[in-house]
PDB file of N, CA and C in Angstrom:
ATOM      1  N   MET A   1      46.495 124.644  73.120  1.00  0.00           N
ATOM      2  CA  MET A   1      45.655 123.250  73.441  1.00  0.00           C
ATOM      3  C   MET A   1      45.499 122.217  72.439  1.00  0.00           C
ATOM      4  N   PRO A   2      45.645 120.980  72.507  1.00  0.00           N
ATOM      5  CA  PRO A   2      45.252 120.191  71.733  1.00  0.00           C
ATOM      6  C   PRO A   2      43.988 120.212  71.240  1.00  0.00           C
ATOM      7  N   ILE A   3      43.520 119.848  69.879  1.00  0.00           N
ATOM      8  CA  ILE A   3      42.582 119.601  69.380  1.00  0.00           C
ATOM      9  C   ILE A   3      41.501 118.574  69.935  1.00  0.00           C
ATOM     10  N   THR A   4      42.162 117.708  70.768  1.00  0.00           N
ATOM     11  CA  THR A   4      41.569 116.689  71.226  1.00  0.00           C
ATOM     12  C   THR A   4      40.977 117.213  72.592  1.00  0.00           C
ATOM     13  N   GLN A   5      41.506 117.922  73.373  1.00  0.00           N
ATOM     14  CA  GLN A   5      41.431 118.551  74.578  1.00  0.00           C
ATOM     15  C   GLN A   5      40.141 119.496  74.361  1.00  0.00           C
ATOM     16  N   LEU A   6      40.294 120.545  73.155  1.00  0.00           N
ATOM     17  CA  LEU A   6      39.632 121.453  72.922  1.00  0.00           C
ATOM     18  C   LEU A   6      38.270 120.668  72.555  1.00  0.00           C
ATOM     19  N   ALA A   7      37.961 119.725  71.747  1.00  0.00           N
ATOM     20  CA  ALA A   7      36.837 118.861  71.387  1.00  0.00           C
ATOM     21  C   ALA A   7      36.337 118.464  73.145  1.00  0.00           C
ATOM     22  N   ASP A   8      37.156 118.134  73.752  1.00  0.00           N
ATOM     23  CA  ASP A   8      36.465 117.354  75.074  1.00  0.00           C
ATOM     24  C   ASP A   8      35.827 118.540  75.950  1.00  0.00           C
ATOM     25  N   LEU A   9      36.584 119.711  75.846  1.00  0.00           N
ATOM     26  CA  LEU A   9      35.927 121.090  76.498  1.00  0.00           C
ATOM     27  C   LEU A   9      34.582 121.383  75.777  1.00  0.00           C
ATOM     28  N   ALA A  10      34.694 121.246  74.315  1.00  0.00           N
ATOM     29  CA  ALA A  10      33.222 121.520  73.711  1.00  0.00           C
ATOM     30  C   ALA A  10      32.083 120.776  73.967  1.00  0.00           C
ATOM     31  N   ARG A  11      32.482 119.210  74.225  1.00  0.00           N
ATOM     32  CA  ARG A  11      31.439 118.352  74.352  1.00  0.00           C
ATOM     33  C   ARG A  11      30.863 118.458  75.525  1.00  0.00           C
ATOM     34  N   ARG A  12      31.752 118.626  76.461  1.00  0.00           N
ATOM     35  CA  ARG A  12      31.344 118.974  78.054  1.00  0.00           C
ATOM     36  C   ARG A  12      30.420 120.237  78.137  1.00  0.00           C
ATOM     37  N   TRP A  13      31.128 121.372  77.716  1.00  0.00           N
ATOM     38  CA  TRP A  13      30.380 122.535  77.808  1.00  0.00           C
ATOM     39  C   TRP A  13      29.172 122.781  76.990  1.00  0.00           C
ATOM     40  N   TYR A  14      28.921 122.086  75.890  1.00  0.00           N
ATOM     41  CA  TYR A  14      27.501 122.339  75.069  1.00  0.00           C
ATOM     42  C   TYR A  14      26.970 121.204  75.100  1.00  0.00           C
ATOM     43  N   SER A  15      27.046 119.773  75.470  1.00  0.00           N
ATOM     44  CA  SER A  15      26.308 118.956  75.469  1.00  0.00           C
ATOM     45  C   SER A  15      24.791 118.680  75.834  1.00  0.00           C
ATOM     46  N   HIS A  16      24.632 119.684  76.867  1.00  0.00           N
ATOM     47  CA  HIS A  16      23.336 119.746  77.265  1.00  0.00           C
ATOM     48  C   HIS A  16      22.398 121.136  77.053  1.00  0.00           C
ATOM     49  N   HIS A  17      23.044 121.918  76.159  1.00  0.00           N
ATOM     50  CA  HIS A  17      22.512 123.146  75.729  1.00  0.00           C
ATOM     51  C   HIS A  17      21.012 122.715  75.234  1.00  0.00           C
ATOM     52  N   ALA A  18      20.631 122.022  74.453  1.00  0.00           N
ATOM     53  CA  ALA A  18      19.444 121.605  73.789  1.00  0.00           C
ATOM     54  C   ALA A  18      18.260 120.868  74.937  1.00  0.00           C
ATOM     55  N   ASP A  19      18.815 120.793  76.294  1.00  0.00           N
ATOM     56  CA  ASP A  19      17.877 120.007  77.175  1.00  0.00           C
ATOM     57  C   ASP A  19      16.917 121.227  77.332  1.00  0.00           C
ATOM     58  N   SER A  20      15.418 120.982  77.715  1.00  0.00           N
ATOM     59  CA  SER A  20      14.574 121.813  77.857  1.00  0.00           C
ATOM     60  C   SER A  20      14.950 122.454  79.485  1.00  0.00           C
ATOM     61  N   ASP A  21      15.615 121.726  80.264  1.00  0.00           N
ATOM     62  CA  ASP A  21      15.693 122.330  81.583  1.00  0.00           C
ATOM     63  C   ASP A  21      17.277 122.959  81.762  1.00  0.00           C
ATOM     64  N   TRP A  22      17.940 123.221  80.942  1.00  0.00           N
ATOM     65  CA  TRP A  22      19.175 123.291  80.879  1.00  0.00           C
ATOM     66  C   TRP A  22      19.258 124.808  81.187  1.00  0.00           C
ATOM     67  N   GLU A  23      20.169 125.229  82.328  1.00  0.00           N
ATOM     68  CA  GLU A  23      20.194 126.726  82.801  1.00  0.00           C
ATOM     69  C   GLU A  23      22.076 127.009  82.528  1.00  0.00           C
ATOM     70  N   LYS A  24      22.051 128.023  82.543  1.00  0.00           N
ATOM     71  CA  LYS A  24      23.674 128.663  82.533  1.00  0.00           C
ATOM     72  C   LYS A  24      24.391 127.974  83.491  1.00  0.00           C
ATOM     73  N   TRP A  25      25.608 127.789  83.274  1.00  0.00           N
ATOM     74  CA  TRP A  25      26.372 127.296  84.054  1.00  0.00           C
ATOM     75  C   TRP A  25      26.853 128.201  85.228  1.00  0.00           C
ATOM     76  N   THR A  26      26.795 127.595  86.600  1.00  0.00           N
ATOM     77  CA  THR A  26      27.246 128.669  87.601  1.00  0.00           C
ATOM     78  C   THR A  26      28.726 128.532  87.612  1.00  0.00           C
ATOM     79  N   PRO A  27      29.427 129.623  88.104  1.00  0.00           N
ATOM     80  CA  PRO A  27      31.105 129.528  87.902  1.00  0.00           C
ATOM     81  C   PRO A  27      31.692 128.468  88.457  1.00  0.00           C
ATOM     82  N   VAL A  28      30.959 127.652  89.650  1.00  0.00           N
ATOM     83  CA  VAL A  28      31.757 126.402  90.239  1.00  0.00           C
ATOM     84  C   VAL A  28      31.542 125.363  89.288  1.00  0.00           C
ATOM     85  N   GLN A  29      30.190 125.187  88.448  1.00  0.00           N
ATOM     86  CA  GLN A  29      30.025 124.331  87.440  1.00  0.00           C
ATOM     87  C   GLN A  29      31.011 124.493  86.398  1.00  0.00           C
ATOM     88  N   ALA A  30      31.166 125.828  85.987  1.00  0.00           N
ATOM     89  CA  ALA A  30      31.910 126.042  84.775  1.00  0.00           C
ATOM     90  C   ALA A  30      33.342 125.413  85.329  1.00  0.00           C
ATOM     91  N   MET A  31      33.971 125.639  86.394  1.00  0.00           N
ATOM     92  CA  MET A  31      34.962 125.499  86.779  1.00  0.00           C
ATOM     93  C   MET A  31      35.457 123.703  86.946  1.00  0.00           C
ATOM     94  N   GLU A  32      34.293 123.400  87.291  1.00  0.00           N
ATOM     95  CA  GLU A  32      34.249 121.576  87.369  1.00  0.00           C
ATOM     96  C   GLU A  32      34.639 121.230  85.890  1.00  0.00           C
ATOM     97  N   ILE A  33      33.738 121.753  84.638  1.00  0.00           N
ATOM     98  CA  ILE A  33      33.704 121.452  83.490  1.00  0.00           C
ATOM     99  C   ILE A  33      35.396 121.652  82.840  1.00  0.00           C
ATOM    100  N   PHE A  34      35.659 122.807  83.128  1.00  0.00           N
ATOM    101  CA  PHE A  34      37.404 123.090  82.985  1.00  0.00           C
ATOM    102  C   PHE A  34      38.450 121.690  83.765  1.00  0.00           C
ATOM    103  N   ARG A  35      38.070 121.644  84.743  1.00  0.00           N
ATOM    104  CA  ARG A  35      39.031 120.436  85.619  1.00  0.00           C
ATOM    105  C   ARG A  35      38.400 119.504  84.971  1.00  0.00           C
ATOM    106  N   SER A  36      37.660 118.887  84.598  1.00  0.00           N
ATOM    107  CA  SER A  36      37.238 117.648  83.907  1.00  0.00           C
ATOM    108  C   SER A  36      38.179 117.503  82.642  1.00  0.00           C
ATOM    109  N   ALA A  37      38.161 118.655  82.161  1.00  0.00           N
ATOM    110  CA  ALA A  37      38.791 118.612  80.697  1.00  0.00           C
ATOM    111  C   ALA A  37      40.252 118.660  80.797  1.00  0.00           C
ATOM    112  N   GLY A  38      40.528 118.756  81.905  1.00  0.00           N
ATOM    113  CA  GLY A  38      42.178 118.768  81.909  1.00  0.00           C
ATOM    114  C   GLY A  38      42.614 120.214  82.055  1.00  0.00           C
ATOM    115  N   LEU A  39      41.832 121.368  82.397  1.00  0.00           N
ATOM    116  CA  LEU A  39      42.059 122.866  82.246  1.00  0.00           C
ATOM    117  C   LEU A  39      42.236 123.380  83.613  1.00  0.00           C
ATOM    118  N   VAL A  40      43.483 123.238  84.139  1.00  0.00           N
ATOM    119  CA  VAL A  40      43.361 123.874  85.600  1.00  0.00           C
ATOM    120  C   VAL A  40      44.654 125.112  85.487  1.00  0.00           C
ATOM    121  N   GLY A  41      44.627 125.537  86.725  1.00  0.00           N
ATOM    122  CA  GLY A  41      45.668 126.668  86.605  1.00  0.00           C
ATOM    123  C   GLY A  41      44.816 127.849  86.627  1.00  0.00           C
ATOM    124  N   ASP A  42      45.443 129.223  86.937  1.00  0.00           N
ATOM    125  CA  ASP A  42      44.888 130.461  87.629  1.00  0.00           C
ATOM    126  C   ASP A  42      44.109 131.095  86.176  1.00  0.00           C
ATOM    127  N   PHE A  43      44.546 130.577  84.812  1.00  0.00           N
ATOM    128  CA  PHE A  43      43.779 131.316  83.932  1.00  0.00           C
ATOM    129  C   PHE A  43      42.531 130.714  83.986  1.00  0.00           C
ATOM    130  N   TRP A  44      41.983 129.768  84.377  1.00  0.00           N
ATOM    131  CA  TRP A  44      40.826 128.984  84.442  1.00  0.00           C
ATOM    132  C   TRP A  44      40.053 128.908  85.284  1.00  0.00           C
ATOM    133  N   LYS A  45      40.238 129.918  86.387  1.00  0.00           N
ATOM    134  CA  LYS A  45      39.518 130.208  87.836  1.00  0.00           C
ATOM    135  C   LYS A  45      38.630 131.099  87.329  1.00  0.00           C
ATOM    136  N   LEU A  46      37.608 131.067  87.960  1.00  0.00           N
ATOM    137  CA  LEU A  46      36.445 132.243  87.781  1.00  0.00           C
ATOM    138  C   LEU A  46      36.111 132.606  89.327  1.00  0.00           C
ATOM    139  N   ASP A  47      35.429 134.007  89.061  1.00  0.00           N
ATOM    140  CA  ASP A  47      35.045 134.396  90.257  1.00  0.00           C
ATOM    141  C   ASP A  47      33.709 133.791  90.584  1.00  0.00           C
ATOM    142  N   THR A  48      33.732 132.860  91.794  1.00  0.00           N
ATOM    143  CA  THR A  48      32.764 132.217  92.276  1.00  0.00           C
ATOM    144  C   THR A  48      31.605 132.965  93.248  1.00  0.00           C
ATOM    145  N   SER A  49      31.992 134.608  93.244  1.00  0.00           N
ATOM    146  CA  SER A  49      31.100 135.296  93.828  1.00  0.00           C
ATOM    147  C   SER A  49      29.828 135.765  93.162  1.00  0.00           C
ATOM    148  N   VAL A  50      29.792 135.616  91.693  1.00  0.00           N
ATOM    149  CA  VAL A  50      28.899 135.984  90.925  1.00  0.00           C
ATOM    150  C   VAL A  50      27.807 135.031  90.641  1.00  0.00           C
ATOM    151  N   GLY A  51      26.871 135.312  89.686  1.00  0.00           N
ATOM    152  CA  GLY A  51      25.897 134.434  89.475  1.00  0.00           C
ATOM    153  C   GLY A  51      26.380 133.339  88.297  1.00  0.00           C
ATOM    154  N   ARG A  52      25.556 133.257  87.081  1.00  0.00           N
ATOM    155  CA  ARG A  52      25.828 132.161  86.264  1.00  0.00           C
ATOM    156  C   ARG A  52      26.884 132.860  84.859  1.00  0.00           C
ATOM    157  N   TYR A  53      27.120 131.985  84.291  1.00  0.00           N
ATOM    158  CA  TYR A  53      28.099 132.331  82.853  1.00  0.00           C
ATOM    159  C   TYR A  53      27.407 131.866  81.745  1.00  0.00           C
TER     160      TYR A  53
END
């Protein structure tokens, strides 16, 4: 993975962790973060039948 893509993923994943109303991502939200960072394919698919990550 290119470092620029890794940085994009980190920014998307962690940018709201300090917000007072932040909650862990749901699997659907996490997969959307992966997709928006260009990470697609079977490796990035999550079980959406579980709670939060």
